[in-house]
């Protein structure tokens, strides 16, 4: 049995409505984007998406998009983690819906993406700055900076991989997890993730193709 669970613009099924088919395209800047209240056609300022840069305890500055009640209001927070190659923008529709429902929605650009820092290691080993420990460390530090002890997490693609690691490393900071596209797969010394993807999807799969590009130095 197949259960359809499409989120707009997060899948490639071809059945999900695009922005230009379902609602007029807003000309607002990202810092002033707002949702339309259901049923009355009026702008609901409570669901406005705002942006800021947060310097977290790991020394990385993360670009963060937020919507919904402030931390002082005591609203439960939903941490939204984007995939590859994506940004916070993936979650713009869900952020507004969550804010309208009374949640605090927070969608960072993960390290190396968008407006967040892309740290490079001394000696040129940049990959050493993007391990699961580094990325999860950023998220835990972000929760600390935002004053949130435990949060709901929704994550897509590469973000889902990161979210699984967050749950493994710091289950005390996670209330519940929604993982899209990527199921949990334990680490295996017998096969690297890229080898498994290549065996399943061949070299034309986008994750495999980018490995070839990087090796060529393009």
N, C-alpha and C. Protein backbone atom coordinates (compact mmCIF):
# COMPACT_ATOMS: atom_id res chain seq x y z
N UNK A 1 0.85 -1.19 0.00
CA UNK A 1 0.00 0.00 0.00
C UNK A 1 0.88 1.24 0.00
N UNK A 2 0.61 2.20 -0.86
CA UNK A 2 1.37 3.43 -0.93
C UNK A 2 0.57 4.54 -0.26
N UNK A 3 1.20 5.24 0.66
CA UNK A 3 0.55 6.35 1.35
C UNK A 3 1.14 7.64 0.82
N UNK A 4 0.32 8.47 0.24
CA UNK A 4 0.81 9.76 -0.27
C UNK A 4 1.00 10.71 0.89
N UNK A 5 2.19 11.24 1.02
CA UNK A 5 2.49 12.17 2.11
C UNK A 5 3.35 13.30 1.58
N UNK A 6 2.89 13.95 0.53
CA UNK A 6 3.69 14.98 -0.14
C UNK A 6 3.64 16.28 0.64
N UNK A 7 4.78 16.93 0.79
CA UNK A 7 4.86 18.30 1.24
C UNK A 7 5.25 19.14 0.04
N UNK A 8 4.61 20.27 -0.13
CA UNK A 8 4.82 21.05 -1.34
C UNK A 8 6.29 21.35 -1.55
N UNK A 9 6.75 21.04 -2.76
CA UNK A 9 8.10 21.32 -3.23
C UNK A 9 9.16 20.48 -2.54
N UNK A 10 8.76 19.48 -1.76
CA UNK A 10 9.74 18.61 -1.14
C UNK A 10 9.80 17.26 -1.81
N UNK A 11 9.02 17.06 -2.85
CA UNK A 11 9.06 15.78 -3.53
C UNK A 11 9.09 16.02 -5.03
N UNK A 12 9.29 14.96 -5.78
CA UNK A 12 9.37 15.08 -7.24
C UNK A 12 8.27 14.27 -7.92
N UNK A 13 7.14 14.11 -7.22
CA UNK A 13 6.08 13.26 -7.76
C UNK A 13 5.36 13.92 -8.93
N UNK A 14 5.45 15.26 -9.05
CA UNK A 14 4.80 15.96 -10.14
C UNK A 14 3.35 16.28 -9.88
N UNK A 15 2.80 15.84 -8.73
CA UNK A 15 1.39 16.07 -8.43
C UNK A 15 1.19 17.25 -7.50
N UNK A 16 2.27 17.70 -6.84
CA UNK A 16 2.13 18.77 -5.88
C UNK A 16 1.99 20.11 -6.59
N UNK A 17 1.08 20.97 -6.15
CA UNK A 17 0.91 22.27 -6.82
C UNK A 17 2.13 23.15 -6.61
N UNK A 18 2.49 23.89 -7.64
CA UNK A 18 3.57 24.84 -7.52
C UNK A 18 3.02 26.17 -7.05
N UNK A 19 3.93 27.05 -6.62
CA UNK A 19 3.50 28.36 -6.14
C UNK A 19 2.67 29.10 -7.19
N UNK A 20 3.11 29.03 -8.47
CA UNK A 20 2.42 29.82 -9.49
C UNK A 20 1.08 29.23 -9.87
N UNK A 21 0.76 28.03 -9.37
CA UNK A 21 -0.52 27.42 -9.66
C UNK A 21 -1.52 27.59 -8.53
N UNK A 22 -1.02 27.86 -7.34
CA UNK A 22 -1.92 27.84 -6.19
C UNK A 22 -2.10 29.20 -5.52
N UNK A 23 -1.12 30.10 -5.65
CA UNK A 23 -1.23 31.38 -5.00
C UNK A 23 -0.33 32.38 -5.70
N UNK A 24 -0.65 33.67 -5.66
CA UNK A 24 0.20 34.67 -6.33
C UNK A 24 1.58 34.71 -5.69
N UNK A 25 2.57 34.98 -6.52
CA UNK A 25 3.94 35.06 -6.03
C UNK A 25 4.13 36.38 -5.32
N UNK A 26 4.61 36.32 -4.08
CA UNK A 26 4.83 37.53 -3.31
C UNK A 26 6.11 38.22 -3.77
N UNK A 27 6.06 39.54 -3.81
CA UNK A 27 7.23 40.33 -4.15
C UNK A 27 7.95 40.81 -2.90
N UNK A 28 7.52 40.35 -1.73
CA UNK A 28 8.14 40.79 -0.49
C UNK A 28 9.54 40.23 -0.36
N UNK A 29 10.36 40.93 0.39
CA UNK A 29 11.70 40.43 0.68
C UNK A 29 11.59 39.31 1.70
N UNK A 30 12.63 38.45 1.82
CA UNK A 30 12.54 37.34 2.76
C UNK A 30 12.24 37.77 4.19
N UNK A 31 12.74 38.94 4.61
CA UNK A 31 12.54 39.35 5.99
C UNK A 31 11.12 39.83 6.26
N UNK A 32 10.32 40.03 5.20
CA UNK A 32 8.96 40.51 5.41
C UNK A 32 7.92 39.57 4.85
N UNK A 33 8.32 38.36 4.45
CA UNK A 33 7.34 37.42 3.91
C UNK A 33 6.34 37.03 4.98
N UNK A 34 5.07 37.01 4.64
CA UNK A 34 4.03 36.68 5.60
C UNK A 34 3.04 35.73 4.97
N UNK A 35 2.32 35.02 5.83
CA UNK A 35 1.33 34.07 5.34
C UNK A 35 -0.03 34.74 5.23
N UNK A 36 -0.88 34.16 4.43
CA UNK A 36 -2.25 34.63 4.32
C UNK A 36 -3.12 33.83 5.27
N UNK A 37 -3.88 34.50 6.11
CA UNK A 37 -4.75 33.82 7.05
C UNK A 37 -5.77 32.98 6.30
N UNK A 38 -6.03 31.79 6.80
CA UNK A 38 -6.92 30.87 6.13
C UNK A 38 -8.34 31.42 6.14
N UNK A 39 -8.93 31.51 4.96
CA UNK A 39 -10.35 31.82 4.86
C UNK A 39 -10.70 33.29 4.70
N UNK A 40 -9.84 34.22 5.16
CA UNK A 40 -10.26 35.61 5.11
C UNK A 40 -9.43 36.45 4.15
N UNK A 41 -8.35 35.87 3.59
CA UNK A 41 -7.58 36.60 2.61
C UNK A 41 -6.75 37.73 3.17
N UNK A 42 -6.66 37.86 4.48
CA UNK A 42 -5.91 38.93 5.10
C UNK A 42 -4.52 38.45 5.51
N UNK A 43 -3.56 39.37 5.50
CA UNK A 43 -2.20 39.02 5.91
C UNK A 43 -2.16 38.84 7.42
N UNK A 44 -1.59 37.74 7.84
CA UNK A 44 -1.47 37.43 9.26
C UNK A 44 -0.04 37.70 9.70
N UNK A 45 0.17 38.82 10.38
CA UNK A 45 1.53 39.21 10.76
C UNK A 45 2.14 38.27 11.78
N UNK A 46 1.32 37.46 12.46
CA UNK A 46 1.84 36.51 13.44
C UNK A 46 2.67 35.42 12.76
N UNK A 47 2.50 35.24 11.45
CA UNK A 47 3.25 34.19 10.75
C UNK A 47 4.32 34.77 9.83
N UNK A 48 4.71 36.00 10.06
CA UNK A 48 5.79 36.61 9.29
C UNK A 48 7.10 35.85 9.54
N UNK A 49 7.86 35.63 8.48
CA UNK A 49 9.17 34.98 8.61
C UNK A 49 10.24 36.05 8.73
N UNK A 50 11.01 35.98 9.80
CA UNK A 50 12.10 36.93 10.04
C UNK A 50 13.43 36.20 9.95
N UNK A 51 14.51 36.98 9.82
CA UNK A 51 15.84 36.42 9.61
C UNK A 51 16.86 37.09 10.51
N UNK A 52 17.82 36.31 10.96
CA UNK A 52 18.93 36.86 11.72
C UNK A 52 20.10 35.89 11.66
N UNK A 53 21.26 36.38 12.06
CA UNK A 53 22.45 35.55 12.16
C UNK A 53 22.74 35.28 13.63
N UNK A 54 22.91 34.02 13.97
CA UNK A 54 23.16 33.62 15.36
C UNK A 54 24.56 33.02 15.45
N UNK A 55 25.41 33.58 16.28
CA UNK A 55 26.72 33.00 16.51
C UNK A 55 26.59 31.99 17.65
N UNK A 56 26.81 30.72 17.34
CA UNK A 56 26.57 29.65 18.31
C UNK A 56 27.86 29.26 19.00
N UNK A 57 27.74 28.42 20.01
CA UNK A 57 28.88 28.06 20.85
C UNK A 57 29.99 27.32 20.15
N UNK A 58 29.74 26.79 18.96
CA UNK A 58 30.80 26.10 18.22
C UNK A 58 31.66 27.08 17.43
N UNK A 59 31.36 28.37 17.51
CA UNK A 59 32.13 29.38 16.81
C UNK A 59 31.64 29.65 15.40
N UNK A 60 30.55 29.01 15.00
CA UNK A 60 30.00 29.18 13.66
C UNK A 60 28.80 30.13 13.72
N UNK A 61 28.69 30.98 12.72
CA UNK A 61 27.52 31.86 12.60
C UNK A 61 26.52 31.23 11.65
N UNK A 62 25.31 31.03 12.15
CA UNK A 62 24.26 30.39 11.36
C UNK A 62 23.19 31.41 10.98
N UNK A 63 22.82 31.40 9.70
CA UNK A 63 21.66 32.18 9.27
C UNK A 63 20.41 31.41 9.67
N UNK A 64 19.49 32.09 10.36
CA UNK A 64 18.31 31.43 10.91
C UNK A 64 17.05 32.18 10.49
N UNK A 65 16.08 31.44 9.95
CA UNK A 65 14.76 31.98 9.65
C UNK A 65 13.80 31.53 10.75
N UNK A 66 12.93 32.43 11.19
CA UNK A 66 12.03 32.12 12.30
C UNK A 66 10.62 32.63 11.99
N UNK A 67 9.65 31.95 12.55
CA UNK A 67 8.26 32.39 12.48
C UNK A 67 7.54 31.87 13.71
N UNK A 68 6.53 32.63 14.14
CA UNK A 68 5.75 32.18 15.29
C UNK A 68 6.09 32.93 16.56
N UNK A 69 5.50 32.51 17.67
CA UNK A 69 5.71 33.20 18.95
C UNK A 69 7.18 33.22 19.36
N UNK A 70 7.55 34.24 20.11
CA UNK A 70 8.91 34.33 20.63
C UNK A 70 9.13 33.30 21.72
N UNK A 71 10.40 33.09 22.05
CA UNK A 71 10.74 32.09 23.06
C UNK A 71 10.07 32.39 24.39
N UNK A 72 9.96 33.68 24.72
CA UNK A 72 9.37 34.06 26.01
C UNK A 72 7.91 33.67 26.12
N UNK A 73 7.26 33.44 24.98
CA UNK A 73 5.84 33.06 24.99
C UNK A 73 5.62 31.62 25.40
N UNK A 74 6.70 30.84 25.44
CA UNK A 74 6.58 29.44 25.85
C UNK A 74 6.03 28.51 24.80
N UNK A 75 5.98 28.95 23.54
CA UNK A 75 5.46 28.09 22.47
C UNK A 75 6.45 26.97 22.18
N UNK A 76 5.97 25.75 21.90
CA UNK A 76 6.89 24.67 21.54
C UNK A 76 7.59 24.98 20.23
N UNK A 77 8.87 24.61 20.14
CA UNK A 77 9.66 24.93 18.95
C UNK A 77 9.77 23.72 18.04
N UNK A 78 9.71 23.99 16.73
CA UNK A 78 9.96 22.97 15.72
C UNK A 78 11.22 23.38 14.96
N UNK A 79 12.22 22.54 15.00
CA UNK A 79 13.47 22.78 14.28
C UNK A 79 13.38 22.10 12.92
N UNK A 80 13.55 22.87 11.86
CA UNK A 80 13.37 22.39 10.49
C UNK A 80 14.72 22.34 9.78
N UNK A 81 15.13 21.15 9.33
CA UNK A 81 16.45 20.96 8.75
C UNK A 81 16.33 20.65 7.26
N UNK A 82 16.97 21.45 6.44
CA UNK A 82 16.87 21.33 4.99
C UNK A 82 17.79 20.23 4.46
N UNK A 83 17.56 19.86 3.19
CA UNK A 83 18.36 18.84 2.53
C UNK A 83 19.44 19.44 1.66
N UNK A 84 19.97 18.63 0.75
CA UNK A 84 21.02 19.05 -0.19
C UNK A 84 20.48 19.00 -1.62
N UNK A 85 20.74 20.03 -2.42
CA UNK A 85 21.34 21.33 -2.06
C UNK A 85 20.23 22.35 -1.81
N UNK A 86 19.87 22.55 -0.60
CA UNK A 86 18.73 23.39 -0.23
C UNK A 86 19.13 24.40 0.83
N UNK A 87 18.14 25.20 1.24
CA UNK A 87 18.33 26.22 2.27
C UNK A 87 17.10 26.21 3.18
N UNK A 88 17.04 27.15 4.12
CA UNK A 88 15.86 27.31 4.96
C UNK A 88 14.60 27.45 4.12
N UNK A 89 14.74 27.99 2.90
CA UNK A 89 13.62 28.32 2.02
C UNK A 89 12.74 27.12 1.72
N UNK A 90 13.31 25.93 1.81
CA UNK A 90 12.54 24.70 1.63
C UNK A 90 11.30 24.67 2.51
N UNK A 91 11.39 25.25 3.69
CA UNK A 91 10.35 25.12 4.71
C UNK A 91 9.43 26.33 4.81
N UNK A 92 9.48 27.26 3.86
CA UNK A 92 8.75 28.51 4.03
C UNK A 92 7.25 28.30 4.20
N UNK A 93 6.64 27.36 3.49
CA UNK A 93 5.20 27.13 3.63
C UNK A 93 4.90 26.48 4.98
N UNK A 94 5.69 25.49 5.35
CA UNK A 94 5.46 24.80 6.62
C UNK A 94 5.70 25.72 7.82
N UNK A 95 6.67 26.64 7.69
CA UNK A 95 6.93 27.59 8.78
C UNK A 95 5.70 28.44 9.07
N UNK A 96 5.06 28.91 8.02
CA UNK A 96 3.88 29.75 8.22
C UNK A 96 2.74 28.96 8.83
N UNK A 97 2.55 27.74 8.37
CA UNK A 97 1.48 26.90 8.91
C UNK A 97 1.74 26.58 10.39
N UNK A 98 2.98 26.27 10.71
CA UNK A 98 3.32 25.97 12.11
C UNK A 98 3.13 27.20 12.99
N UNK A 99 3.54 28.36 12.49
CA UNK A 99 3.37 29.59 13.27
C UNK A 99 1.90 29.88 13.50
N UNK A 100 1.08 29.67 12.48
CA UNK A 100 -0.36 29.90 12.62
C UNK A 100 -0.98 28.96 13.63
N UNK A 101 -0.36 27.79 13.81
CA UNK A 101 -0.87 26.81 14.77
C UNK A 101 -0.30 27.02 16.17
N UNK A 102 0.52 28.05 16.35
CA UNK A 102 1.03 28.37 17.68
C UNK A 102 2.41 27.84 17.99
N UNK A 103 3.11 27.29 17.00
CA UNK A 103 4.46 26.78 17.21
C UNK A 103 5.50 27.85 16.86
N UNK A 104 6.67 27.70 17.44
CA UNK A 104 7.81 28.52 17.05
C UNK A 104 8.61 27.72 16.02
N UNK A 105 8.62 28.17 14.77
CA UNK A 105 9.30 27.45 13.69
C UNK A 105 10.66 28.09 13.44
N UNK A 106 11.70 27.27 13.46
CA UNK A 106 13.07 27.75 13.28
C UNK A 106 13.74 26.91 12.21
N UNK A 107 14.22 27.57 11.14
CA UNK A 107 14.85 26.86 10.03
C UNK A 107 16.22 27.48 9.75
N UNK A 108 17.29 26.85 10.20
CA UNK A 108 18.63 27.40 9.91
C UNK A 108 19.15 26.94 8.55
N UNK A 109 20.06 27.71 7.98
CA UNK A 109 20.94 27.19 6.94
C UNK A 109 22.03 26.42 7.67
N UNK A 110 22.20 25.15 7.37
CA UNK A 110 23.24 24.37 8.02
C UNK A 110 24.62 24.89 7.63
N UNK A 111 25.63 24.53 8.41
CA UNK A 111 26.98 25.04 8.11
C UNK A 111 27.39 24.67 6.69
N UNK A 112 27.96 25.64 6.00
CA UNK A 112 28.34 25.44 4.61
C UNK A 112 27.28 25.81 3.60
N UNK A 113 26.09 26.18 4.06
CA UNK A 113 24.98 26.49 3.16
C UNK A 113 24.54 27.95 3.33
N UNK A 114 24.11 28.54 2.21
CA UNK A 114 23.42 29.83 2.25
C UNK A 114 24.17 30.89 3.01
N UNK A 115 23.49 31.51 3.97
CA UNK A 115 24.06 32.60 4.73
C UNK A 115 24.85 32.18 5.94
N UNK A 116 25.00 30.89 6.18
CA UNK A 116 25.78 30.41 7.32
C UNK A 116 27.25 30.27 6.96
N UNK A 117 28.09 30.24 7.98
CA UNK A 117 29.52 30.09 7.77
C UNK A 117 29.85 28.76 7.10
N UNK A 118 30.92 28.78 6.33
CA UNK A 118 31.44 27.57 5.69
C UNK A 118 32.90 27.41 6.13
N UNK A 119 33.11 26.90 7.34
CA UNK A 119 34.47 26.85 7.88
C UNK A 119 35.39 25.93 7.09
N UNK A 120 36.63 26.34 6.96
CA UNK A 120 37.66 25.53 6.31
C UNK A 120 38.71 25.17 7.35
N UNK A 121 39.13 23.92 7.33
CA UNK A 121 40.10 23.47 8.32
C UNK A 121 41.51 23.89 7.92
N UNK A 122 42.39 24.11 8.90
CA UNK A 122 43.78 24.39 8.58
C UNK A 122 44.39 23.25 7.75
N UNK A 123 45.16 23.60 6.75
CA UNK A 123 45.76 22.58 5.91
C UNK A 123 44.90 22.17 4.74
N UNK A 124 43.71 22.78 4.62
CA UNK A 124 42.88 22.50 3.46
C UNK A 124 41.94 21.33 3.58
N UNK A 125 41.89 20.68 4.74
CA UNK A 125 40.99 19.54 4.92
C UNK A 125 39.60 20.03 5.31
N UNK A 126 38.90 20.64 4.35
CA UNK A 126 37.59 21.21 4.65
C UNK A 126 36.59 20.16 5.08
N UNK A 127 36.68 18.95 4.51
CA UNK A 127 35.71 17.89 4.84
C UNK A 127 35.73 17.56 6.33
N UNK A 128 36.85 17.77 6.96
CA UNK A 128 36.95 17.48 8.39
C UNK A 128 36.13 18.39 9.26
N UNK A 129 35.59 19.49 8.68
CA UNK A 129 34.75 20.42 9.42
C UNK A 129 33.26 20.16 9.24
N UNK A 130 32.93 19.06 8.56
CA UNK A 130 31.52 18.81 8.24
C UNK A 130 31.09 17.40 8.63
N UNK A 131 31.68 16.87 9.68
CA UNK A 131 31.26 15.56 10.17
C UNK A 131 29.93 15.69 10.88
N UNK A 132 29.32 14.53 11.18
CA UNK A 132 28.06 14.55 11.93
C UNK A 132 28.23 15.23 13.28
N UNK A 133 29.39 15.04 13.89
CA UNK A 133 29.64 15.67 15.19
C UNK A 133 29.64 17.19 15.07
N UNK A 134 30.23 17.71 13.98
CA UNK A 134 30.27 19.15 13.80
C UNK A 134 28.87 19.72 13.55
N UNK A 135 28.13 19.10 12.64
CA UNK A 135 26.83 19.65 12.27
C UNK A 135 25.84 19.52 13.42
N UNK A 136 25.84 18.37 14.09
CA UNK A 136 24.96 18.20 15.25
C UNK A 136 25.38 19.16 16.36
N UNK A 137 26.69 19.35 16.52
CA UNK A 137 27.16 20.31 17.53
C UNK A 137 26.62 21.69 17.28
N UNK A 138 26.56 22.10 16.01
CA UNK A 138 25.97 23.41 15.69
C UNK A 138 24.52 23.49 16.13
N UNK A 139 23.76 22.41 15.89
CA UNK A 139 22.34 22.43 16.23
C UNK A 139 22.11 22.49 17.73
N UNK A 140 22.90 21.71 18.48
CA UNK A 140 22.77 21.75 19.94
C UNK A 140 23.13 23.14 20.45
N UNK A 141 24.19 23.71 19.90
CA UNK A 141 24.60 25.06 20.29
C UNK A 141 23.54 26.08 19.90
N UNK A 142 22.87 25.88 18.77
CA UNK A 142 21.79 26.78 18.36
C UNK A 142 20.63 26.72 19.34
N UNK A 143 20.26 25.52 19.76
CA UNK A 143 19.19 25.39 20.75
C UNK A 143 19.56 26.12 22.04
N UNK A 144 20.82 25.99 22.45
CA UNK A 144 21.27 26.71 23.64
C UNK A 144 21.15 28.22 23.44
N UNK A 145 21.57 28.70 22.26
CA UNK A 145 21.53 30.14 22.00
C UNK A 145 20.10 30.66 21.95
N UNK A 146 19.17 29.82 21.52
CA UNK A 146 17.77 30.23 21.42
C UNK A 146 17.00 29.98 22.72
N UNK A 147 17.66 29.39 23.70
CA UNK A 147 17.01 29.15 24.98
C UNK A 147 15.99 28.02 24.96
N UNK A 148 16.22 27.03 24.08
CA UNK A 148 15.29 25.91 23.95
C UNK A 148 15.94 24.62 24.48
N UNK A 149 15.28 23.95 25.38
CA UNK A 149 15.82 22.73 25.96
C UNK A 149 15.51 21.51 25.11
N UNK A 150 14.23 21.36 24.70
CA UNK A 150 13.81 20.21 23.89
C UNK A 150 12.89 20.70 22.78
N UNK A 151 13.06 20.15 21.58
CA UNK A 151 12.30 20.64 20.43
C UNK A 151 11.79 19.48 19.60
N UNK A 152 10.76 19.77 18.82
CA UNK A 152 10.35 18.87 17.75
C UNK A 152 11.28 19.10 16.57
N UNK A 153 11.57 18.03 15.82
CA UNK A 153 12.47 18.15 14.67
C UNK A 153 11.78 17.57 13.45
N UNK A 154 11.79 18.34 12.35
CA UNK A 154 11.35 17.84 11.05
C UNK A 154 12.50 18.06 10.08
N UNK A 155 12.86 17.02 9.33
CA UNK A 155 14.06 17.11 8.51
C UNK A 155 13.87 16.38 7.19
N UNK A 156 14.56 16.88 6.17
CA UNK A 156 14.43 16.33 4.82
C UNK A 156 15.80 16.02 4.24
N UNK A 157 15.95 14.84 3.60
CA UNK A 157 17.14 14.51 2.83
C UNK A 157 18.39 14.56 3.72
N UNK A 158 19.40 15.36 3.34
CA UNK A 158 20.61 15.46 4.16
C UNK A 158 20.27 15.92 5.57
N UNK A 159 19.27 16.77 5.69
CA UNK A 159 18.84 17.19 7.02
C UNK A 159 18.33 16.03 7.85
N UNK A 160 17.70 15.04 7.18
CA UNK A 160 17.22 13.86 7.91
C UNK A 160 18.39 13.04 8.45
N UNK A 161 19.45 12.91 7.66
CA UNK A 161 20.65 12.23 8.16
C UNK A 161 21.19 12.93 9.40
N UNK A 162 21.23 14.25 9.34
CA UNK A 162 21.70 15.02 10.48
C UNK A 162 20.77 14.84 11.67
N UNK A 163 19.48 14.82 11.41
CA UNK A 163 18.50 14.68 12.50
C UNK A 163 18.62 13.31 13.17
N UNK A 164 18.85 12.25 12.39
CA UNK A 164 19.04 10.94 13.01
C UNK A 164 20.24 10.97 13.96
N UNK A 165 21.30 11.63 13.52
CA UNK A 165 22.48 11.74 14.38
C UNK A 165 22.19 12.58 15.62
N UNK A 166 21.41 13.64 15.46
CA UNK A 166 21.03 14.45 16.61
C UNK A 166 20.28 13.60 17.64
N UNK A 167 19.37 12.76 17.17
CA UNK A 167 18.61 11.89 18.07
C UNK A 167 19.51 10.88 18.77
N UNK A 168 20.52 10.39 18.04
CA UNK A 168 21.45 9.42 18.63
C UNK A 168 22.37 10.06 19.65
N UNK A 169 22.91 11.23 19.30
CA UNK A 169 23.90 11.87 20.16
C UNK A 169 23.26 12.58 21.35
N UNK A 170 22.13 13.24 21.11
CA UNK A 170 21.51 14.06 22.16
C UNK A 170 20.00 13.83 22.20
N UNK A 171 19.57 12.63 22.55
CA UNK A 171 18.12 12.38 22.62
C UNK A 171 17.42 13.25 23.65
N UNK A 172 18.17 13.78 24.59
CA UNK A 172 17.59 14.63 25.62
C UNK A 172 17.11 15.97 25.07
N UNK A 173 17.52 16.32 23.83
CA UNK A 173 17.13 17.61 23.26
C UNK A 173 16.00 17.48 22.25
N UNK A 174 15.52 16.26 22.00
CA UNK A 174 14.53 16.02 20.95
C UNK A 174 13.24 15.46 21.55
N UNK A 175 12.12 16.12 21.26
CA UNK A 175 10.81 15.62 21.69
C UNK A 175 10.30 14.54 20.75
N UNK A 176 10.41 14.80 19.46
CA UNK A 176 9.93 13.85 18.44
C UNK A 176 10.59 14.22 17.12
N UNK A 177 10.64 13.26 16.19
CA UNK A 177 11.29 13.48 14.91
C UNK A 177 10.38 13.07 13.76
N UNK A 178 10.32 13.92 12.73
CA UNK A 178 9.72 13.59 11.45
C UNK A 178 10.84 13.61 10.43
N UNK A 179 11.17 12.46 9.84
CA UNK A 179 12.25 12.36 8.86
C UNK A 179 11.66 12.10 7.48
N UNK A 180 11.98 12.95 6.52
CA UNK A 180 11.46 12.84 5.16
C UNK A 180 12.58 12.37 4.22
N UNK A 181 12.26 11.41 3.38
CA UNK A 181 13.14 10.93 2.30
C UNK A 181 14.21 9.95 2.74
N UNK A 182 14.78 10.14 3.93
CA UNK A 182 15.91 9.32 4.34
C UNK A 182 15.58 8.59 5.63
N UNK A 183 15.49 7.27 5.55
CA UNK A 183 15.27 6.45 6.74
C UNK A 183 16.58 6.26 7.49
N UNK A 184 16.47 5.84 8.74
CA UNK A 184 17.68 5.62 9.53
C UNK A 184 18.47 4.44 8.99
N UNK A 185 19.76 4.62 8.86
CA UNK A 185 20.66 3.55 8.43
C UNK A 185 21.91 3.61 9.30
N UNK A 186 22.16 2.59 10.09
CA UNK A 186 23.34 2.61 10.96
C UNK A 186 24.62 2.62 10.14
N UNK A 187 25.66 3.20 10.71
CA UNK A 187 26.96 3.22 10.05
C UNK A 187 27.48 1.80 9.87
N UNK A 188 28.18 1.58 8.78
CA UNK A 188 28.72 0.26 8.51
C UNK A 188 30.15 0.38 8.00
N UNK A 189 31.05 -0.38 8.59
CA UNK A 189 32.43 -0.38 8.13
C UNK A 189 32.58 -1.13 6.82
N UNK A 190 31.56 -1.89 6.44
CA UNK A 190 31.64 -2.72 5.24
C UNK A 190 31.35 -1.93 3.97
N UNK A 191 30.60 -0.82 4.08
CA UNK A 191 30.23 -0.07 2.87
C UNK A 191 30.07 1.41 3.19
N UNK A 192 30.73 2.24 2.40
CA UNK A 192 30.54 3.67 2.54
C UNK A 192 29.18 4.08 1.96
N UNK A 193 28.58 5.13 2.49
CA UNK A 193 27.27 5.56 1.97
C UNK A 193 27.28 5.80 0.46
N UNK A 194 28.34 6.41 -0.06
CA UNK A 194 28.37 6.70 -1.49
C UNK A 194 28.40 5.42 -2.31
N UNK A 195 29.03 4.37 -1.79
CA UNK A 195 29.06 3.09 -2.50
C UNK A 195 27.67 2.47 -2.56
N UNK A 196 26.92 2.59 -1.47
CA UNK A 196 25.56 2.07 -1.46
C UNK A 196 24.65 2.81 -2.42
N UNK A 197 24.79 4.14 -2.47
CA UNK A 197 23.98 4.93 -3.39
C UNK A 197 24.33 4.62 -4.84
N UNK A 198 25.60 4.43 -5.11
CA UNK A 198 26.02 4.12 -6.48
C UNK A 198 25.49 2.75 -6.90
N UNK A 199 25.48 1.79 -5.97
CA UNK A 199 24.98 0.46 -6.29
C UNK A 199 23.48 0.49 -6.57
N UNK A 200 22.76 1.35 -5.87
CA UNK A 200 21.30 1.43 -6.04
C UNK A 200 20.90 2.26 -7.25
N UNK A 201 21.58 3.41 -7.46
CA UNK A 201 21.10 4.39 -8.42
C UNK A 201 22.07 4.67 -9.57
N UNK A 202 23.25 4.07 -9.55
CA UNK A 202 24.27 4.24 -10.60
C UNK A 202 24.91 5.64 -10.53
N UNK A 203 25.81 5.89 -11.46
CA UNK A 203 26.62 7.10 -11.40
C UNK A 203 25.85 8.37 -11.72
N UNK A 204 24.69 8.26 -12.34
CA UNK A 204 23.93 9.46 -12.70
C UNK A 204 23.16 10.05 -11.52
N UNK A 205 23.07 9.33 -10.42
CA UNK A 205 22.41 9.88 -9.23
C UNK A 205 23.17 11.12 -8.78
N UNK A 206 22.45 12.16 -8.36
CA UNK A 206 23.09 13.47 -8.15
C UNK A 206 24.20 13.42 -7.10
N UNK A 207 24.05 12.60 -6.07
CA UNK A 207 25.09 12.50 -5.05
C UNK A 207 26.35 11.88 -5.64
N UNK A 208 26.17 10.92 -6.53
CA UNK A 208 27.31 10.27 -7.17
C UNK A 208 27.97 11.21 -8.19
N UNK A 209 27.17 11.96 -8.92
CA UNK A 209 27.72 12.86 -9.93
C UNK A 209 28.57 13.95 -9.31
N UNK A 210 28.15 14.46 -8.16
CA UNK A 210 28.92 15.54 -7.55
C UNK A 210 30.27 15.02 -7.05
N UNK A 211 30.36 13.73 -6.71
CA UNK A 211 31.65 13.17 -6.33
C UNK A 211 32.61 13.22 -7.51
N UNK A 212 32.12 12.90 -8.69
CA UNK A 212 32.96 12.92 -9.89
C UNK A 212 33.40 14.34 -10.20
N UNK A 213 32.51 15.30 -10.07
CA UNK A 213 32.85 16.71 -10.32
C UNK A 213 33.94 17.16 -9.36
N UNK A 214 33.80 16.81 -8.08
CA UNK A 214 34.78 17.22 -7.10
C UNK A 214 36.15 16.61 -7.39
N UNK A 215 36.16 15.35 -7.82
CA UNK A 215 37.42 14.68 -8.08
C UNK A 215 38.12 15.29 -9.29
N UNK A 216 37.34 15.84 -10.26
CA UNK A 216 37.94 16.47 -11.43
C UNK A 216 38.44 17.87 -11.12
N UNK A 217 37.95 18.41 -9.99
CA UNK A 217 38.33 19.76 -9.63
C UNK A 217 37.56 20.82 -10.35
N UNK A 218 36.42 20.46 -10.96
CA UNK A 218 35.59 21.44 -11.69
C UNK A 218 34.85 22.36 -10.72
